Amino acid sequence: MKKYILGLAILFACLLVAETSHAQMDKKERKEWKKKKKKMTPEDFKALNDQVTTLQAETSSLTAELSTLRSSVSEKDSRITALQNEIRTLEASLNSLRQQLTAQVPEEDWEKGVAFRVQIGAFKKVNFEKYIGSADDLKWEEDEGIRKYIVGNFRNYNDANELKKYLRKVGVGDAWIVPFKDGQRVPLDQVLDTTVEQLKEENAKMGKGTEAPVEEIK
């Protein structure tokens, strides 16, 4: 066992010498190591040499494995960078397509033609003006000191009617449909033909026939 420990000590010393770039030993150290070396049998020296050879082989293998791992990491980093660049390119293309689509689809001009809106109430003392700025579809009209609040923009009467029904269901009992023509509130009879035709089309799609009862329009 002492010889084995001695051999390990010599191996450690050899490695230490290599790590310190073959630092020169002084005379005293050289003399001491010569004595230790003379005490080693050929078998001990061979075992030590075999251990050094094995360690060198393991070190070489680990170095190669480390090199492979570094290469793999480098390839993955390059792939990640390529994917990030591809994502940026796709995002830019998507934004460009959105801008083109927005430019091709004109904004609806609700001040032209027939439109239907839903009046949710008429109030003399209640003022919702400070809230209207955050709701584009919520508007108001003033008539003889009474403010009439309306919501929604619909080309189809039935769509407006659905909103009216929902508002009444949730408690807005005064909700009713208001027709507009070229931005001006008009009586229902001025757009009745358009409304009746829309109801006929809707009824035909739903298999209810082509008649549109006047009582539905209110």
Protein backbone atom coordinates (compact mmCIF):
# COMPACT_ATOMS: atom_id res chain seq x y z
CA MET A 1 0.00 0.00 0.00
CA LYS A 2 2.85 2.35 0.86
CA LYS A 3 4.34 1.73 -2.55
CA TYR A 4 0.98 2.45 -4.20
CA ILE A 5 0.61 5.70 -2.27
CA LEU A 6 4.15 6.57 -3.20
CA GLY A 7 3.35 5.93 -6.84
CA LEU A 8 0.32 8.19 -6.71
CA ALA A 9 2.38 10.86 -5.07
CA ILE A 10 4.92 10.61 -7.87
CA LEU A 11 2.08 10.78 -10.47
CA PHE A 12 0.66 13.85 -8.76
CA ALA A 13 4.08 15.39 -8.74
CA CYS A 14 4.49 14.68 -12.45
CA LEU A 15 1.15 16.28 -13.25
CA LEU A 16 1.98 19.24 -11.05
CA VAL A 17 5.23 19.67 -12.87
CA ALA A 18 3.37 19.64 -16.21
CA GLU A 19 0.83 22.19 -14.98
CA THR A 20 3.57 24.55 -13.83
CA SER A 21 5.20 24.40 -17.26
CA HIS A 22 8.00 22.11 -16.15
CA ALA A 23 9.15 24.33 -13.32
CA GLN A 24 12.76 23.63 -12.35
CA MET A 25 13.39 21.84 -9.04
CA ASP A 26 16.18 22.91 -6.80
CA LYS A 27 18.99 20.51 -5.84
CA LYS A 28 17.40 19.45 -2.59
CA GLU A 29 14.12 18.55 -4.25
CA ARG A 30 15.89 16.61 -7.03
CA LYS A 31 17.85 14.65 -4.43
CA GLU A 32 14.72 13.76 -2.49
CA TRP A 33 12.82 12.61 -5.61
CA LYS A 34 15.79 10.52 -6.74
CA LYS A 35 15.69 8.70 -3.42
CA LYS A 36 11.97 8.05 -3.80
CA LYS A 37 12.45 6.86 -7.35
CA LYS A 38 15.16 4.35 -6.28
CA LYS A 39 12.77 2.82 -3.77
CA MET A 40 10.29 1.94 -6.56
CA THR A 41 10.38 -1.59 -7.94
CA PRO A 42 10.07 -2.18 -11.67
CA GLU A 43 6.54 -3.43 -11.04
CA ASP A 44 5.62 -0.22 -9.23
CA PHE A 45 7.09 1.89 -12.00
CA LYS A 46 5.25 -0.12 -14.66
CA ALA A 47 1.94 0.23 -12.75
CA LEU A 48 2.52 3.96 -12.45
CA ASN A 49 3.34 4.21 -16.13
CA ASP A 50 0.18 2.26 -17.01
CA GLN A 51 -1.89 4.64 -14.88
CA VAL A 52 -0.35 7.64 -16.61
CA THR A 53 -1.08 6.08 -20.00
CA THR A 54 -4.70 5.39 -18.99
CA LEU A 55 -5.16 8.92 -17.68
CA GLN A 56 -3.69 10.37 -20.84
CA ALA A 57 -6.10 8.27 -22.94
CA GLU A 58 -9.05 9.36 -20.79
CA THR A 59 -7.94 12.98 -21.02
CA SER A 60 -7.68 12.70 -24.79
CA SER A 61 -11.14 11.12 -24.98
CA LEU A 62 -12.67 13.79 -22.75
CA THR A 63 -10.97 16.51 -24.77
CA ALA A 64 -12.44 15.09 -27.98
CA GLU A 65 -15.88 14.81 -26.36
CA LEU A 66 -15.67 18.39 -25.13
CA SER A 67 -14.71 19.53 -28.61
CA THR A 68 -17.72 17.67 -30.05
CA LEU A 69 -20.05 19.22 -27.48
CA ARG A 70 -18.70 22.70 -28.20
CA SER A 71 -19.22 22.11 -31.90
CA SER A 72 -22.80 20.92 -31.26
CA VAL A 73 -23.54 23.96 -29.08
CA SER A 74 -22.11 26.23 -31.74
CA GLU A 75 -24.32 24.62 -34.40
CA LYS A 76 -27.39 24.98 -32.18
CA ASP A 77 -26.55 28.63 -31.47
CA SER A 78 -26.26 29.23 -35.20
CA ARG A 79 -29.60 27.48 -35.78
CA ILE A 80 -31.27 29.56 -33.06
CA THR A 81 -29.89 32.75 -34.59
CA ALA A 82 -31.15 31.66 -38.03
CA LEU A 83 -34.61 30.88 -36.61
CA GLN A 84 -34.76 34.25 -34.81
CA ASN A 85 -33.88 36.01 -38.05
CA GLU A 86 -36.54 33.98 -39.85
CA ILE A 87 -39.14 34.94 -37.23
CA ARG A 88 -38.25 38.62 -37.62
CA THR A 89 -38.59 38.30 -41.40
CA LEU A 90 -41.98 36.60 -41.06
CA GLU A 91 -43.19 39.23 -38.59
CA ALA A 92 -42.14 41.98 -40.97
CA SER A 93 -43.95 40.24 -43.84
CA LEU A 94 -47.06 39.81 -41.70
CA ASN A 95 -47.07 43.47 -40.72
CA SER A 96 -46.62 44.44 -44.36
CA LEU A 97 -49.54 42.23 -45.40
CA ARG A 98 -51.72 43.71 -42.67
CA GLN A 99 -50.91 47.22 -43.86
CA GLN A 100 -51.70 46.25 -47.44
CA LEU A 101 -54.97 44.65 -46.37
CA THR A 102 -55.92 47.72 -44.35
CA ALA A 103 -55.17 49.93 -47.34
CA GLN A 104 -57.24 47.74 -49.67
CA VAL A 105 -60.31 47.57 -47.40
CA PRO A 106 -61.80 51.06 -47.09
CA GLU A 107 -63.28 52.08 -43.76
CA GLU A 108 -67.05 51.91 -43.61
CA ASP A 109 -68.64 55.36 -44.04
CA TRP A 110 -71.69 55.25 -41.79
CA GLU A 111 -72.68 58.76 -42.81
CA LYS A 112 -73.73 57.47 -46.22
CA GLY A 113 -76.65 55.24 -47.07
CA VAL A 114 -79.10 53.57 -44.70
CA ALA A 115 -77.92 52.51 -41.24
CA PHE A 116 -79.66 51.23 -38.15
CA ARG A 117 -78.67 52.09 -34.60
CA VAL A 118 -80.13 51.32 -31.20
CA GLN A 119 -81.22 54.08 -28.86
CA ILE A 120 -80.59 53.06 -25.26
CA GLY A 121 -82.24 56.01 -23.57
CA ALA A 122 -83.11 59.69 -23.57
CA PHE A 123 -82.10 61.71 -20.53
CA LYS A 124 -82.44 65.32 -19.49
CA LYS A 125 -80.07 65.44 -16.50
CA VAL A 126 -77.85 62.42 -17.06
CA ASN A 127 -74.64 63.15 -18.99
CA PHE A 128 -72.50 60.32 -20.39
CA GLU A 129 -70.34 62.60 -22.53
CA LYS A 130 -67.14 61.93 -20.58
CA TYR A 131 -67.47 58.21 -21.37
CA ILE A 132 -68.19 58.53 -25.08
CA GLY A 133 -64.58 59.25 -26.01
CA SER A 134 -63.59 55.65 -25.30
CA ALA A 135 -66.51 54.07 -27.19
CA ASP A 136 -66.59 54.85 -30.90
CA ASP A 137 -70.02 53.30 -31.37
CA LEU A 138 -71.64 55.21 -28.51
CA LYS A 139 -72.99 58.58 -29.67
CA TRP A 140 -75.55 61.10 -28.53
CA GLU A 141 -77.93 63.64 -30.03
CA GLU A 142 -79.51 66.59 -28.27
CA ASP A 143 -83.10 67.58 -28.93
CA GLU A 144 -84.74 70.32 -26.86
CA GLY A 145 -82.43 69.77 -23.91
CA ILE A 146 -82.83 65.98 -23.98
CA ARG A 147 -79.85 63.85 -24.84
CA LYS A 148 -80.60 60.68 -26.79
CA TYR A 149 -77.89 58.05 -26.57
CA ILE A 150 -77.48 55.59 -29.41
CA VAL A 151 -75.12 52.67 -29.91
CA GLY A 152 -74.03 50.46 -32.81
CA ASN A 153 -73.83 50.79 -36.58
CA PHE A 154 -75.66 48.22 -38.70
CA ARG A 155 -76.56 47.98 -42.37
CA ASN A 156 -78.90 45.11 -41.65
CA TYR A 157 -82.06 45.68 -39.63
CA ASN A 158 -81.98 42.20 -38.10
CA ASP A 159 -78.48 42.77 -36.71
CA ALA A 160 -79.69 45.92 -34.97
CA ASN A 161 -82.76 44.04 -33.78
CA GLU A 162 -80.59 41.38 -32.14
CA LEU A 163 -78.75 44.09 -30.18
CA LYS A 164 -82.06 45.68 -29.18
CA LYS A 165 -83.40 42.34 -27.89
CA TYR A 166 -80.25 41.70 -25.92
CA LEU A 167 -80.28 45.16 -24.32
CA ARG A 168 -83.91 44.72 -23.31
CA LYS A 169 -83.07 41.29 -21.89
CA VAL A 170 -80.35 42.70 -19.65
CA GLY A 171 -82.57 45.50 -18.38
CA VAL A 172 -82.41 48.37 -20.90
CA GLY A 173 -86.16 48.41 -21.40
CA ASP A 174 -86.17 51.62 -23.46
CA ALA A 175 -83.89 50.23 -26.18
CA TRP A 176 -85.34 50.61 -29.66
CA ILE A 177 -84.12 50.80 -33.25
CA VAL A 178 -83.49 54.14 -34.92
CA PRO A 179 -83.03 54.38 -38.73
CA PHE A 180 -80.54 56.81 -40.27
CA LYS A 181 -80.13 57.86 -43.87
CA ASP A 182 -77.00 59.70 -45.00
CA GLY A 183 -76.17 60.46 -41.38
CA GLN A 184 -79.58 61.88 -40.48
CA ARG A 185 -82.23 60.27 -38.28
CA VAL A 186 -85.30 59.54 -40.39
CA PRO A 187 -88.72 57.98 -39.82
CA LEU A 188 -88.87 54.25 -40.33
CA ASP A 189 -91.23 54.53 -43.29
CA GLN A 190 -88.52 56.28 -45.32
CA VAL A 191 -86.37 53.16 -45.18
CA LEU A 192 -89.21 50.66 -44.83
CA ASP A 193 -88.68 49.18 -48.29
CA THR A 194 -85.03 48.47 -47.54
CA THR A 195 -85.93 47.01 -44.16
CA VAL A 196 -88.66 44.77 -45.54
CA GLU A 197 -86.37 43.43 -48.25
CA GLN A 198 -83.72 42.61 -45.67
CA LEU A 199 -86.23 40.78 -43.52
CA LYS A 200 -87.50 38.82 -46.53
CA GLU A 201 -83.95 37.72 -47.34
CA GLU A 202 -83.32 36.70 -43.74
CA ASN A 203 -86.60 34.79 -43.53
CA ALA A 204 -85.86 33.00 -46.80
CA LYS A 205 -82.46 31.89 -45.51
CA MET A 206 -84.07 30.59 -42.32
CA GLY A 207 -86.92 28.85 -44.21
CA LYS A 208 -89.63 31.14 -42.88
CA GLY A 209 -90.93 32.17 -46.28
CA THR A 210 -90.53 35.49 -48.03
CA GLU A 211 -93.06 37.56 -46.12
CA ALA A 212 -91.84 40.09 -43.58
CA PRO A 213 -94.56 40.96 -41.05
CA VAL A 214 -94.69 44.64 -40.32
CA GLU A 215 -95.00 43.92 -36.59
CA GLU A 216 -91.41 42.64 -36.63
CA ILE A 217 -90.25 46.15 -37.50
CA LYS A 218 -90.41 48.08 -34.29
